[in-house]
């Protein structure tokens, strides 16, 4: 289902948006960062999940003891750690313009729960009906729940796992009402980071019984439309997946062809597609191009994997011009480099994370060019 989603769904063995304007970065400037306490060992460090037009960033870091902590980074580089009281581990995965962060935490018994943290630091925790203890996750039983995204209205969406190890999507209204849903034919349904827009449309992906992945969009009234990008494969382990949805209804994502090569796509709200294949992307299994985030100016950010398995970043302008980049300090081995693109805000600031030569993760901001 794509490396961003795989990362979010992998179990760990593992000042908020202000009224100040975002400090301007020069075009093509790259800033790396790690919150205080982020570990520097393999699998540790900083993972970035979303940014806002204000310049605020949300994500989580894994410390030297392999414990995850959520964080907020203000536009001016001030950090606030997010740890749900009593949690053994906390991840922050999304934030809205009101300053409410969303994510998951798990307790000492390995049970996963969702949470909301408002701009004043107050926590609300919740569980989804139907989420059930699942054995074999390193604990006697773990309820697995992943709230992934929140919109300005306070509506939350994400995924949970039931007693049969099947994943389903849910949407939680501001007043706490929770609805579970699956596209027709789904045996596993997974939401997206940044997978809900202001109107309440939700994007994600699902797997059918033949092992093929498909994208979906659910409108605010609950109607679900399935889709597949150009070149999507039709055999087990292939297909299409979405990575987010913006307020215009645009969905970036990627298709995996029958040779297991990734091809990026941008799906407009009218169902038309633009295919994105970056020059330099590899053409072998596990290589290719992934479109990860699109802003309202139709600038798309993503990453691509070259023939050596190394990851690199790219930005595609609304006119189709592609700029590639690498982050100073990234590793140059297979699986290293710009491993994840999380978001691009209205100012063209791309956020994500990269892997260094030691396998540690670090956050970065890349300021793309105006076009």
Protein backbone atom coordinates (compact mmCIF):
# COMPACT_ATOMS: atom_id res chain seq x y z
CA UNK A 1 0.00 0.00 0.00
CA UNK A 2 3.02 2.33 -0.32
CA UNK A 3 5.85 3.12 2.02
CA UNK A 4 4.14 5.99 3.84
CA UNK A 5 1.22 3.80 4.76
CA UNK A 6 3.41 0.83 5.59
CA UNK A 7 5.35 3.01 8.00
CA UNK A 8 2.24 4.34 9.70
CA UNK A 9 0.75 0.89 10.09
CA UNK A 10 3.93 -0.83 11.25
CA UNK A 11 3.72 -1.53 14.98
CA UNK A 12 6.68 -0.17 16.92
CA UNK A 13 8.92 -2.84 18.62
CA UNK A 14 8.48 0.85 18.20
CA UNK A 15 4.39 26.26 19.61
CA UNK A 16 1.54 24.93 17.44
CA UNK A 17 0.18 26.96 14.49
CA UNK A 18 0.52 30.57 15.54
CA UNK A 19 -0.73 33.81 14.11
CA UNK A 20 2.81 34.73 13.13
CA UNK A 21 3.65 34.45 9.44
CA UNK A 22 5.87 31.59 8.36
CA UNK A 23 9.51 32.67 8.03
CA UNK A 24 10.27 32.68 4.33
CA UNK A 25 12.85 30.23 3.03
CA UNK A 26 14.72 30.90 -0.17
CA UNK A 27 13.49 28.88 -3.12
CA UNK A 28 15.03 25.39 -3.18
CA UNK A 29 16.40 25.90 0.33
CA UNK A 30 16.44 22.78 2.53
CA UNK A 31 16.30 22.80 6.33
CA UNK A 32 16.89 19.59 8.30
CA UNK A 33 15.68 19.20 11.87
CA UNK A 34 15.24 16.83 14.80
CA UNK A 35 13.33 17.54 18.03
CA UNK A 36 15.35 17.37 21.24
CA UNK A 37 15.49 13.76 22.39
CA UNK A 38 15.26 12.15 18.97
CA UNK A 39 17.44 9.04 18.77
CA UNK A 40 20.23 8.72 16.24
CA UNK A 41 20.30 4.93 15.88
CA UNK A 42 18.84 2.78 13.13
CA UNK A 43 15.03 3.06 13.10
CA UNK A 44 15.12 6.03 15.47
CA UNK A 45 14.87 9.74 14.80
CA UNK A 46 12.25 12.03 13.31
CA UNK A 47 9.26 11.33 11.08
CA UNK A 48 7.21 14.26 9.77
CA UNK A 49 3.52 13.82 8.90
CA UNK A 50 1.98 17.23 8.09
CA UNK A 51 2.55 20.97 7.86
CA UNK A 52 0.24 23.98 7.80
CA UNK A 53 0.33 27.25 5.88
CA UNK A 54 1.51 28.89 9.12
CA UNK A 55 4.66 26.77 9.01
CA UNK A 56 3.69 24.57 11.95
CA UNK A 57 4.71 20.91 11.58
CA UNK A 58 3.44 17.77 13.30
CA UNK A 59 5.02 14.34 13.52
CA UNK A 60 6.73 12.03 15.95
CA UNK A 61 10.21 10.99 16.95
CA UNK A 62 11.66 7.77 18.30
CA UNK A 63 14.12 8.24 21.14
CA UNK A 64 17.25 6.29 22.06
CA UNK A 65 15.07 3.83 24.02
CA UNK A 66 12.90 3.19 20.94
CA UNK A 67 9.93 5.01 22.48
CA UNK A 68 7.81 7.21 20.19
CA UNK A 69 6.74 10.73 21.16
CA UNK A 70 4.59 13.13 19.18
CA UNK A 71 5.83 16.64 18.52
CA UNK A 72 4.73 20.01 17.24
CA UNK A 73 7.27 22.33 15.63
CA UNK A 74 6.28 25.98 15.33
CA UNK A 75 7.11 28.15 12.33
CA UNK A 76 10.00 29.53 14.35
CA UNK A 77 11.45 26.15 15.32
CA UNK A 78 10.03 25.82 18.84
CA UNK A 79 9.14 22.25 19.83
CA UNK A 80 6.30 20.92 21.95
CA UNK A 81 6.38 17.23 22.84
CA UNK A 82 3.09 15.31 22.78
CA UNK A 83 2.81 12.41 25.22
CA UNK A 84 -0.65 11.21 26.18
CA UNK A 85 -0.75 10.89 30.00
CA UNK A 86 -0.12 7.27 30.93
CA UNK A 87 0.96 6.26 27.42
CA UNK A 88 3.81 3.87 26.75
CA UNK A 89 4.21 5.45 23.30
CA UNK A 90 2.55 8.30 21.38
CA UNK A 91 2.48 9.26 17.70
CA UNK A 92 1.10 12.54 16.31
CA UNK A 93 -0.12 12.07 12.75
CA UNK A 94 -2.25 15.06 11.80
CA UNK A 95 -3.18 18.61 12.75
CA UNK A 96 -5.81 21.13 11.66
CA UNK A 97 -5.75 24.92 11.38
CA UNK A 98 -7.42 25.20 14.78
CA UNK A 99 -4.34 23.66 16.39
CA UNK A 100 -5.89 20.29 17.25
CA UNK A 101 -3.52 17.37 16.75
CA UNK A 102 -4.62 13.77 16.25
CA UNK A 103 -2.86 10.43 16.54
CA UNK A 104 -2.65 7.23 18.50
CA UNK A 105 -1.11 6.01 21.73
CA UNK A 106 -0.76 2.62 23.32
CA UNK A 107 -0.88 1.71 26.98
CA UNK A 108 1.25 -0.61 29.12
CA UNK A 109 -0.89 -3.58 28.02
CA UNK A 110 -0.26 -2.90 24.34
CA UNK A 111 -3.76 -1.59 23.66
CA UNK A 112 -3.93 1.16 21.04
CA UNK A 113 -6.22 4.16 21.43
CA UNK A 114 -6.90 7.37 19.54
CA UNK A 115 -6.51 10.87 20.91
CA UNK A 116 -7.13 14.52 20.16
CA UNK A 117 -4.97 17.27 21.66
CA UNK A 118 -6.33 20.80 21.47
CA UNK A 119 -4.25 23.95 21.17
CA UNK A 120 -4.29 24.37 24.97
CA UNK A 121 -2.79 20.92 25.50
CA UNK A 122 -5.98 19.17 26.63
CA UNK A 123 -6.35 15.52 25.59
CA UNK A 124 -9.45 13.59 24.56
CA UNK A 125 -8.94 9.85 24.07
CA UNK A 126 -11.28 7.49 22.23
CA UNK A 127 -11.75 3.97 20.87
CA UNK A 128 -13.67 2.81 17.81
CA UNK A 129 -16.47 0.25 18.29
CA UNK A 130 -15.42 -2.96 16.58
CA UNK A 131 -11.70 -2.54 17.20
CA UNK A 132 -10.71 -5.73 18.97
CA UNK A 133 -7.69 -7.28 20.67
CA UNK A 134 -5.50 -8.96 18.08
CA UNK A 135 -3.01 -11.61 19.20
CA UNK A 136 0.50 -12.01 17.86
CA UNK A 137 1.62 -8.37 17.89
CA UNK A 138 4.15 -8.78 20.69
CA UNK A 139 1.45 -8.52 23.34
CA UNK A 140 -1.22 -10.96 24.57
CA UNK A 141 -3.71 -8.81 22.65
CA UNK A 142 -3.54 -5.38 21.08
CA UNK A 143 -6.41 -3.19 19.98
CA UNK A 144 -5.04 -1.52 16.87
CA UNK A 145 -6.41 1.92 16.05
CA UNK A 146 -4.87 4.56 13.79
CA UNK A 147 -6.50 8.01 13.67
CA UNK A 148 -4.64 9.59 10.77
CA UNK A 149 -6.15 12.95 9.81
CA UNK A 150 -8.34 15.78 11.09
CA UNK A 151 -9.98 18.64 9.20
CA UNK A 152 -10.78 22.16 10.31
CA UNK A 153 -14.25 21.12 11.49
CA UNK A 154 -12.68 18.62 13.90
CA UNK A 155 -13.74 15.53 11.94
CA UNK A 156 -11.23 12.70 12.30
CA UNK A 157 -10.64 9.75 10.00
CA UNK A 158 -8.37 6.73 10.16
CA UNK A 159 -8.36 2.95 10.37
CA UNK A 160 -8.77 0.19 12.92
CA UNK A 161 -8.28 -3.57 12.97
CA UNK A 162 -10.99 -6.01 14.06
CA UNK A 163 -10.74 -9.42 15.75
CA UNK A 164 -10.23 -11.11 12.38
CA UNK A 165 -7.19 -8.94 11.59
CA UNK A 166 -9.23 -7.05 8.98
CA UNK A 167 -8.74 -3.27 8.67
CA UNK A 168 -11.64 -0.84 8.27
CA UNK A 169 -11.90 2.94 7.97
CA UNK A 170 -13.79 5.16 10.38
CA UNK A 171 -14.86 8.76 10.59
CA UNK A 172 -15.41 10.51 13.94
CA UNK A 173 -17.45 13.70 14.06
CA UNK A 174 -16.55 16.64 16.27
CA UNK A 175 -19.17 15.55 18.81
CA UNK A 176 -17.67 12.05 19.06
CA UNK A 177 -20.04 10.03 16.86
CA UNK A 178 -18.11 7.30 15.01
CA UNK A 179 -19.06 5.64 11.71
CA UNK A 180 -17.19 2.68 10.24
CA UNK A 181 -17.09 2.09 6.49
CA UNK A 182 -15.56 -0.06 3.73
CA UNK A 183 -15.77 0.14 -0.06
CA UNK A 184 -17.70 -2.69 -1.68
CA UNK A 185 -15.52 -5.78 -2.03
CA UNK A 186 -12.91 -4.66 0.47
CA UNK A 187 -11.19 -7.17 2.72
CA UNK A 188 -8.88 -4.48 4.17
CA UNK A 189 -9.53 -0.73 4.13
CA UNK A 190 -6.84 1.78 5.04
CA UNK A 191 -7.09 5.55 5.41
CA UNK A 192 -4.52 8.19 4.49
CA UNK A 193 -2.47 10.69 6.38
CA UNK A 194 -4.06 14.03 5.38
CA UNK A 195 -6.91 11.87 4.09
CA UNK A 196 -9.79 14.25 4.83
CA UNK A 197 -10.45 17.70 3.39
CA UNK A 198 -12.40 20.66 4.75
CA UNK A 199 -15.68 19.50 3.20
CA UNK A 200 -15.31 16.06 4.78
CA UNK A 201 -14.34 14.04 1.69
CA UNK A 202 -12.07 11.12 2.65
CA UNK A 203 -9.46 9.30 0.59
CA UNK A 204 -7.77 5.96 1.11
CA UNK A 205 -7.13 2.56 -0.30
CA UNK A 206 -8.50 -0.94 0.03
CA UNK A 207 -7.54 -4.49 -0.87
CA UNK A 208 -9.90 -6.94 -2.58
CA UNK A 209 -9.90 -10.69 -2.11
CA UNK A 210 -7.50 -11.16 -5.06
CA UNK A 211 -4.84 -9.12 -3.24
CA UNK A 212 -5.12 -6.11 -5.58
CA UNK A 213 -5.16 -2.61 -4.09
CA UNK A 214 -7.54 0.15 -5.21
CA UNK A 215 -8.00 3.79 -4.30
CA UNK A 216 -11.25 5.28 -3.04
CA UNK A 217 -12.82 8.62 -2.23
CA UNK A 218 -15.81 8.91 0.11
CA UNK A 219 -17.89 12.07 -0.26
CA UNK A 220 -19.28 13.95 2.77
CA UNK A 221 -22.63 12.17 2.39
CA UNK A 222 -20.98 8.75 2.55
CA UNK A 223 -21.00 7.70 -1.12
CA UNK A 224 -17.81 5.85 -2.07
CA UNK A 225 -16.12 5.93 -5.48
CA UNK A 226 -13.34 3.46 -6.28
CA UNK A 227 -10.56 4.23 -8.73
CA UNK A 228 -7.31 2.94 -10.22
CA UNK A 229 -4.54 5.00 -11.72
CA UNK A 230 -3.16 4.46 -15.20
CA UNK A 231 -1.04 1.33 -15.51
CA UNK A 232 -2.26 -0.22 -12.28
CA UNK A 233 -1.55 -3.93 -12.06
CA UNK A 234 -4.15 -6.63 -11.75
CA UNK A 235 -2.28 -9.31 -9.81
CA UNK A 236 -1.71 -9.76 -6.09
CA UNK A 237 0.48 -7.06 -4.58
CA UNK A 238 -0.23 -4.52 -7.32
CA UNK A 239 -2.88 -1.85 -7.93
CA UNK A 240 -3.34 1.78 -6.87
CA UNK A 241 -3.38 3.74 -3.63
CA UNK A 242 -4.15 7.32 -2.66
CA UNK A 243 -1.95 9.43 -0.40
CA UNK A 244 -4.18 12.39 0.59
CA UNK A 245 -6.98 14.65 -0.59
CA UNK A 246 -6.89 18.45 -0.73
CA UNK A 247 -9.73 20.95 -0.45
CA UNK A 248 -10.23 20.94 -4.23
CA UNK A 249 -10.72 17.16 -4.18
CA UNK A 250 -7.37 16.44 -5.85
CA UNK A 251 -5.83 13.10 -4.86
CA UNK A 252 -2.17 12.26 -5.48
CA UNK A 253 -1.08 8.64 -5.28
CA UNK A 254 0.68 5.85 -7.09
CA UNK A 255 -0.06 2.76 -9.11
CA UNK A 256 1.97 -0.43 -8.92
CA UNK A 257 2.12 -2.21 -12.28
CA UNK A 258 2.34 -5.95 -12.88
CA UNK A 259 6.15 -5.67 -12.70
CA UNK A 260 5.88 -4.05 -9.24
CA UNK A 261 7.06 -0.64 -10.51
CA UNK A 262 5.53 2.54 -9.02
CA UNK A 263 3.97 5.22 -11.23
CA UNK A 264 2.76 8.45 -9.65
CA UNK A 265 -0.61 9.95 -10.50
CA UNK A 266 -2.65 13.06 -9.72
CA UNK A 267 -6.42 12.52 -9.79
CA UNK A 268 -8.59 15.61 -10.18
CA UNK A 269 -12.04 15.86 -8.62
CA UNK A 270 -13.64 15.19 -12.03
CA UNK A 271 -11.89 11.81 -12.22
CA UNK A 272 -9.23 12.77 -14.78
CA UNK A 273 -5.60 11.80 -14.24
CA UNK A 274 -2.10 13.07 -14.82
CA UNK A 275 0.62 10.39 -14.70
CA UNK A 276 3.94 11.33 -13.10
CA UNK A 277 7.11 9.37 -13.90
CA UNK A 278 10.30 11.20 -12.94
CA UNK A 279 13.29 10.90 -15.24
CA UNK A 280 15.86 8.98 -13.23
CA UNK A 281 13.32 6.77 -11.50
CA UNK A 282 14.21 3.09 -11.68
CA UNK A 283 12.16 0.62 -13.68
CA UNK A 284 12.72 -2.47 -11.56
CA UNK A 285 10.52 -4.00 -8.88
CA UNK A 286 10.09 -1.64 -5.92
CA UNK A 287 11.36 1.33 -7.91
CA UNK A 288 9.62 4.21 -9.66
CA UNK A 289 7.68 7.36 -8.72
CA UNK A 290 5.21 8.15 -5.92
CA UNK A 291 3.06 11.31 -5.83
CA UNK A 292 2.43 12.08 -2.16
CA UNK A 293 0.86 15.52 -1.69
CA UNK A 294 -0.76 18.27 -3.78
CA UNK A 295 -1.60 21.78 -2.61
CA UNK A 296 -4.32 24.13 -3.88
CA UNK A 297 -1.88 25.69 -6.36
CA UNK A 298 -1.66 22.24 -8.01
CA UNK A 299 1.96 21.80 -7.00
CA UNK A 300 2.67 18.15 -6.23
CA UNK A 301 5.43 16.75 -4.05
CA UNK A 302 6.65 13.19 -4.01
CA UNK A 303 9.66 10.96 -4.13
CA UNK A 304 11.17 8.46 -6.52
CA UNK A 305 13.38 5.40 -6.19
CA UNK A 306 16.26 5.04 -8.61
CA UNK A 307 17.79 1.90 -10.12
CA UNK A 308 20.00 1.48 -7.03
CA UNK A 309 17.04 1.66 -4.65
CA UNK A 310 17.99 5.13 -3.37
CA UNK A 311 15.18 7.62 -2.62
CA UNK A 312 15.06 11.20 -3.92
CA UNK A 313 12.53 14.04 -3.67
CA UNK A 314 10.73 15.86 -6.45
CA UNK A 315 8.25 18.69 -6.94
CA UNK A 316 5.99 18.99 -9.99
CA UNK A 317 4.62 22.44 -10.79
CA UNK A 318 1.09 23.01 -12.05
CA UNK A 319 2.61 23.39 -15.51
CA UNK A 320 4.30 20.00 -15.34
CA UNK A 321 7.87 21.12 -14.67
CA UNK A 322 9.66 18.67 -12.38
CA UNK A 323 12.46 19.66 -9.99
CA UNK A 324 14.39 16.96 -8.14
CA UNK A 325 16.41 17.34 -4.96
CA UNK A 326 18.35 15.52 -2.27
CA UNK A 327 18.83 16.48 1.37
CA UNK A 328 22.39 17.09 2.59
CA UNK A 329 23.37 14.32 5.00
CA UNK A 330 21.08 11.67 3.55
CA UNK A 331 22.37 8.16 3.01
CA UNK A 332 23.16 6.92 -0.45
CA UNK A 333 22.52 3.21 0.06
CA UNK A 334 19.49 1.22 -1.01
CA UNK A 335 16.42 2.32 0.99
CA UNK A 336 18.12 5.51 2.17
CA UNK A 337 17.69 9.10 1.02
CA UNK A 338 14.40 11.02 0.90
CA UNK A 339 12.31 8.16 2.21
CA UNK A 340 8.98 9.92 2.83
CA UNK A 341 7.15 13.02 1.67
CA UNK A 342 4.41 14.02 4.10
CA UNK A 343 2.84 17.23 2.81
CA UNK A 344 3.16 20.46 0.85
CA UNK A 345 1.49 23.59 2.17
CA UNK A 346 0.04 26.56 0.33
CA UNK A 347 3.38 28.35 0.42
CA UNK A 348 5.06 25.48 -1.43
CA UNK A 349 6.96 24.20 1.62
CA UNK A 350 7.44 20.43 1.37
CA UNK A 351 7.99 18.43 4.55
CA UNK A 352 9.12 14.86 4.98
CA UNK A 353 11.94 12.76 6.33
CA UNK A 354 15.15 11.20 5.09
CA UNK A 355 17.28 8.25 6.13
CA UNK A 356 20.97 8.72 6.80
CA UNK A 357 23.75 6.19 6.29
CA UNK A 358 23.13 4.78 9.80
CA UNK A 359 19.42 4.18 9.16
CA UNK A 360 18.27 7.06 11.40
CA UNK A 361 15.40 9.32 10.28
CA UNK A 362 15.51 13.13 10.16
CA UNK A 363 12.88 15.70 9.29
CA UNK A 364 13.30 18.30 6.58
CA UNK A 365 11.62 21.29 4.93
CA UNK A 366 12.17 21.96 1.23
CA UNK A 367 10.95 25.27 -0.13
CA UNK A 368 9.87 24.70 -3.73
CA UNK A 369 9.98 27.33 -6.46
CA UNK A 370 7.05 29.49 -7.49
CA UNK A 371 5.73 28.61 -10.96
